[in-house]
Protein backbone atom coordinates (compact mmCIF):
# COMPACT_ATOMS: atom_id res chain seq x y z
CA MET A 1 -8.55 23.23 -8.06
CA SER A 2 -12.28 22.77 -8.65
CA PRO A 3 -13.90 19.44 -7.62
CA ALA A 4 -13.28 16.68 -10.16
CA ALA A 5 -16.14 15.01 -12.01
CA ARG A 6 -13.96 12.53 -13.92
CA VAL A 7 -11.01 10.87 -12.17
CA VAL A 8 -8.29 8.46 -13.27
CA SER A 9 -6.42 6.63 -10.51
CA LEU A 10 -2.93 5.22 -10.93
CA VAL A 11 -2.84 3.75 -7.40
CA PRO A 12 -4.83 0.68 -6.29
CA SER A 13 -5.24 2.01 -2.74
CA LEU A 14 -6.60 5.33 -3.95
CA THR A 15 -8.79 3.62 -6.53
CA GLU A 16 -10.56 1.69 -3.79
CA ALA A 17 -10.83 4.77 -1.57
CA VAL A 18 -12.48 6.87 -4.29
CA ALA A 19 -14.65 4.09 -5.71
CA VAL A 20 -16.09 3.16 -2.30
CA THR A 21 -16.65 6.78 -1.30
CA ALA A 22 -17.91 8.27 -4.57
CA PRO A 23 -19.15 5.51 -6.91
CA GLY A 24 -19.14 6.50 -10.56
CA LEU A 25 -16.42 9.14 -10.24
CA LEU A 26 -13.60 6.96 -11.57
CA VAL A 27 -13.38 6.69 -15.35
CA GLY A 28 -9.97 4.99 -15.47
CA ALA A 29 -7.83 2.75 -13.26
CA THR A 30 -4.79 0.53 -13.56
CA ASP A 31 -4.75 -3.19 -14.29
CA TRP A 32 -3.67 -3.70 -10.65
CA CYS A 33 -6.73 -1.93 -9.21
CA THR A 34 -8.54 -5.04 -7.97
CA HIS A 35 -10.85 -3.42 -5.38
CA PRO A 36 -13.71 -3.01 -5.36
CA PRO A 37 -14.01 -6.18 -7.46
CA ALA A 38 -16.90 -4.89 -9.59
CA LEU A 39 -15.20 -1.60 -10.46
CA ASP A 40 -16.42 -0.34 -13.83
CA ALA A 41 -13.57 1.77 -15.21
CA VAL A 42 -11.40 1.74 -18.30
CA ARG A 43 -8.10 -0.05 -17.66
CA ILE A 44 -5.16 2.13 -18.61
CA GLY A 45 -2.11 -0.11 -18.03
CA GLY A 46 0.02 -0.66 -14.97
CA THR A 47 1.21 1.59 -12.20
CA LYS A 48 4.70 1.70 -13.73
CA ASN A 49 3.64 1.81 -17.39
CA PRO A 50 0.35 3.71 -17.73
CA ASP A 51 -0.97 4.37 -21.23
CA VAL A 52 -0.71 8.16 -21.37
CA PRO A 53 -2.70 8.56 -24.65
CA ALA A 54 -5.47 6.34 -23.28
CA ILE A 55 -5.63 8.39 -20.09
CA THR A 56 -5.72 11.64 -22.04
CA ALA A 57 -8.53 10.30 -24.22
CA LEU A 58 -10.68 9.80 -21.12
CA ARG A 59 -10.59 13.58 -20.52
CA PRO A 60 -10.20 13.33 -16.75
CA ASP A 61 -10.48 16.40 -14.54
CA LEU A 62 -7.93 14.84 -12.21
CA VAL A 63 -5.34 12.05 -12.20
CA ILE A 64 -4.39 10.76 -8.74
CA ALA A 65 -0.96 9.22 -8.26
CA ASN A 66 1.69 8.38 -5.67
CA GLU A 67 5.37 9.30 -5.59
CA GLU A 68 6.43 5.72 -4.84
CA GLU A 69 4.05 3.71 -7.00
CA ASN A 70 4.23 5.86 -10.12
CA ARG A 71 7.20 7.03 -12.18
CA ALA A 72 8.04 10.73 -12.44
CA PRO A 73 8.42 10.62 -16.27
CA ASP A 74 4.88 9.25 -16.66
CA LEU A 75 3.46 11.94 -14.38
CA ALA A 76 5.38 14.60 -16.29
CA ALA A 77 3.95 13.28 -19.57
CA LEU A 78 0.43 13.51 -18.17
CA ARG A 79 1.00 17.09 -17.08
CA ALA A 80 2.50 17.90 -20.46
CA ALA A 81 -0.74 16.61 -22.00
CA GLY A 82 -2.60 19.27 -20.02
CA LEU A 83 -3.94 17.08 -17.21
CA ASP A 84 -4.09 17.96 -13.51
CA VAL A 85 -2.12 15.38 -11.51
CA LEU A 86 -2.34 15.09 -7.74
CA VAL A 87 0.67 13.21 -6.33
CA THR A 88 0.46 11.75 -2.84
CA GLU A 89 3.23 10.73 -0.46
CA VAL A 90 2.40 8.00 2.05
CA ARG A 91 5.16 6.68 4.28
CA THR A 92 3.36 6.59 7.63
CA LEU A 93 -0.15 5.86 8.84
CA ASP A 94 -0.70 9.47 9.89
CA GLN A 95 0.42 10.61 6.44
CA ALA A 96 -2.01 8.16 4.87
CA PHE A 97 -4.96 9.67 6.73
CA THR A 98 -3.89 13.19 5.73
CA GLU A 99 -3.41 12.28 2.09
CA LEU A 100 -6.70 10.38 1.88
CA ASP A 101 -8.49 13.48 3.13
CA ARG A 102 -6.70 15.58 0.51
CA VAL A 103 -7.52 13.21 -2.36
CA LEU A 104 -11.18 12.89 -1.44
CA ARG A 105 -11.57 16.66 -1.12
CA ALA A 106 -9.96 17.12 -4.54
CA CYS A 107 -12.49 14.63 -5.89
CA GLY A 108 -15.33 16.77 -4.58
CA VAL A 109 -16.30 14.55 -1.64
CA ALA A 110 -18.00 16.91 0.82
CA ALA A 111 -18.53 14.59 3.80
CA ARG A 112 -15.78 12.56 5.39
CA PRO A 113 -16.48 8.87 4.71
CA ARG A 114 -17.39 6.58 7.57
CA TRP A 115 -14.67 4.09 6.70
CA LEU A 116 -11.98 6.73 7.23
CA ASP A 117 -13.28 7.54 10.72
CA GLU A 118 -13.51 3.82 11.47
CA ALA A 119 -9.92 3.30 10.33
CA GLU A 120 -8.60 6.07 12.56
CA ARG A 121 -10.52 4.69 15.54
CA ALA A 122 -9.34 1.13 14.89
CA TRP A 123 -5.68 2.12 14.85
CA ALA A 124 -6.03 4.46 17.83
CA ALA A 125 -7.55 1.63 19.89
CA MET A 126 -5.00 -0.96 18.83
CA GLU A 127 -2.47 -2.05 21.46
CA PRO A 128 0.86 -3.39 20.18
CA ALA A 129 1.92 -6.90 21.04
CA ALA A 130 4.09 -7.25 24.13
CA PRO A 131 6.92 -7.96 24.26
CA PRO A 132 7.92 -6.44 20.89
CA ARG A 133 9.10 -8.85 18.20
CA THR A 134 11.74 -8.43 15.53
CA ALA A 135 11.21 -9.45 11.93
CA VAL A 136 12.58 -9.50 8.44
CA VAL A 137 9.97 -8.55 5.86
CA PRO A 138 10.76 -9.74 2.33
CA ILE A 139 8.80 -8.15 -0.49
CA TRP A 140 10.55 -10.02 -3.33
CA ARG A 141 12.73 -13.02 -4.02
CA ARG A 142 15.14 -13.71 -6.87
CA PRO A 143 16.69 -11.40 -5.72
CA TRP A 144 15.62 -11.14 -2.11
CA MET A 145 14.44 -7.64 -1.20
CA VAL A 146 13.09 -6.49 2.16
CA LEU A 147 11.49 -3.51 3.81
CA GLY A 148 14.09 -0.88 4.64
CA HIS A 149 13.72 2.60 6.09
CA ASP A 150 10.80 5.02 5.85
CA THR A 151 8.03 2.72 4.59
CA PHE A 152 4.29 2.70 5.21
CA ALA A 153 4.29 -1.07 5.85
CA GLY A 154 7.13 -0.68 8.34
CA ASP A 155 5.16 1.95 10.25
CA LEU A 156 2.11 -0.31 10.44
CA LEU A 157 4.19 -3.22 11.71
CA ALA A 158 5.83 -1.04 14.37
CA ARG A 159 2.38 -0.01 15.60
CA LEU A 160 1.53 -3.72 15.85
CA GLY A 161 4.60 -4.41 17.99
CA VAL A 162 6.85 -5.77 15.23
CA ASP A 163 10.16 -4.01 14.57
CA HIS A 164 11.71 -4.98 11.26
CA LEU A 165 15.47 -5.35 11.37
CA TYR A 166 16.30 -3.25 8.30
CA ALA A 167 14.36 -0.16 9.39
CA ASP A 168 17.62 1.82 9.57
CA HIS A 169 19.00 0.65 6.24
CA ALA A 170 20.04 3.43 3.87
CA GLU A 171 17.67 2.12 1.19
CA ARG A 172 13.91 1.83 1.42
CA TYR A 173 13.81 -1.60 -0.25
CA PRO A 174 17.31 -3.05 -0.06
CA ARG A 175 18.50 -6.23 -1.71
CA VAL A 176 19.84 -8.50 1.01
CA PRO A 177 21.37 -11.97 0.47
CA LEU A 178 19.31 -14.80 1.92
CA ASP A 179 22.18 -15.95 4.13
CA GLU A 180 22.26 -12.52 5.74
CA LEU A 181 18.52 -12.52 6.27
CA ARG A 182 18.69 -15.93 7.93
CA ALA A 183 21.53 -14.80 10.19
CA ALA A 184 19.84 -11.54 11.23
CA GLY A 185 18.35 -13.13 14.35
CA ALA A 186 14.73 -12.21 13.69
CA ASP A 187 11.94 -13.65 15.82
CA LEU A 188 9.69 -13.74 12.80
CA VAL A 189 9.60 -13.52 9.02
CA VAL A 190 6.64 -11.57 7.64
CA LEU A 191 5.67 -12.61 4.11
CA PRO A 192 3.04 -10.51 2.30
CA ASP A 193 1.24 -11.73 -0.82
CA GLU A 194 2.25 -8.63 -2.83
CA PRO A 195 4.20 -7.36 -4.65
CA TYR A 196 5.69 -10.89 -4.64
CA ARG A 197 3.03 -13.47 -3.93
CA PHE A 198 4.50 -15.44 -1.03
CA THR A 199 2.48 -18.55 -0.18
CA PRO A 200 2.77 -21.42 2.36
CA ASP A 201 4.81 -23.31 -0.26
CA ASP A 202 6.85 -20.37 -1.52
CA GLY A 203 8.73 -18.38 1.10
CA PRO A 204 8.61 -19.98 4.57
CA GLU A 205 10.92 -22.83 3.51
CA ALA A 206 13.71 -20.28 2.98
CA PHE A 207 13.71 -19.50 6.73
CA PRO A 208 13.88 -22.86 8.51
CA GLY A 209 13.32 -22.58 12.25
CA THR A 210 11.83 -19.09 12.06
CA PRO A 211 8.06 -18.61 12.43
CA ALA A 212 6.46 -17.21 9.30
CA ALA A 213 3.47 -14.89 9.17
CA LEU A 214 1.81 -14.92 5.75
CA VAL A 215 -0.07 -11.64 5.61
CA SER A 216 -2.41 -9.87 3.22
CA GLY A 217 -0.51 -7.28 1.21
CA ARG A 218 -3.71 -5.28 0.87
CA HIS A 219 -3.89 -4.91 4.65
CA LEU A 220 -0.17 -4.25 5.08
CA THR A 221 0.55 -1.90 2.18
CA TRP A 222 -2.77 -0.38 0.99
CA TYR A 223 -4.05 2.91 2.41
CA GLY A 224 -7.80 2.98 1.89
CA PRO A 225 -10.92 1.27 3.27
CA SER A 226 -8.86 -1.82 4.17
CA LEU A 227 -7.21 0.25 6.93
CA ALA A 228 -10.35 -0.11 9.04
CA GLU A 229 -9.92 -3.87 9.42
CA ALA A 230 -6.12 -4.04 9.04
CA PRO A 231 -5.22 -3.90 12.77
CA ALA A 232 -7.43 -6.88 13.57
CA VAL A 233 -6.53 -8.88 10.45
CA LEU A 234 -2.77 -8.34 10.72
CA GLY A 235 -2.70 -8.66 14.49
CA ARG A 236 -4.42 -12.03 14.37
CA VAL A 237 -1.93 -13.47 11.86
CA LEU A 238 1.10 -12.05 13.66
CA ARG A 239 -0.03 -13.43 17.02
CA ALA A 240 -0.53 -16.88 15.51
CA ALA A 241 3.06 -17.05 14.21
CA ARG A 242 4.95 -18.39 17.20
CA ARG A 243 7.84 -20.74 17.64
């Protein structure tokens, strides 16, 4: 694959990574691609419902996607339209670093960006909290859904000394009744602000008596420049959530 001159991103994390590293390369991005805030790119719908004709009309050399965030039928439709589609898989921090390297090389970035080196150093230097804590990590309510097995966010939390109680569940994002979550015996409930936007008034009240850590979803679930500051940002919030 020759280096791309025109790129469409279907993943907010990858949008930020490419836009920060190679400004001007992105010609299209999803409605959910909020970083960098001043990104100048055509909006082509959501991660789950991209506008395939609009993407095709942009004549991209490359479309970058993710196996979890984007639907296989949409990616197949883009390929059927004659577009090159690079699909990433990111379920661990190490995998994120590998995939970011692959995406940036495919985009024609010759030099490894400083932020990627800084992110690797920040995580390598990070020491997990001691003793380890257990948590439930809702990502949605009505119905309640939590982190299950084999997730990027779960791997980050484990590196920060937080073991989530559904890490061995058969599903990656299981639906679990609230009564069961309350009875799980967690030391902590971790409430990110995406995909469901948990807030101080919407989420902690469901877990009376359990400390709540309201965390930035961008730092917990995005794999891009935010990884460089994520250990410090997440660690600070998690340490502050005590009984």
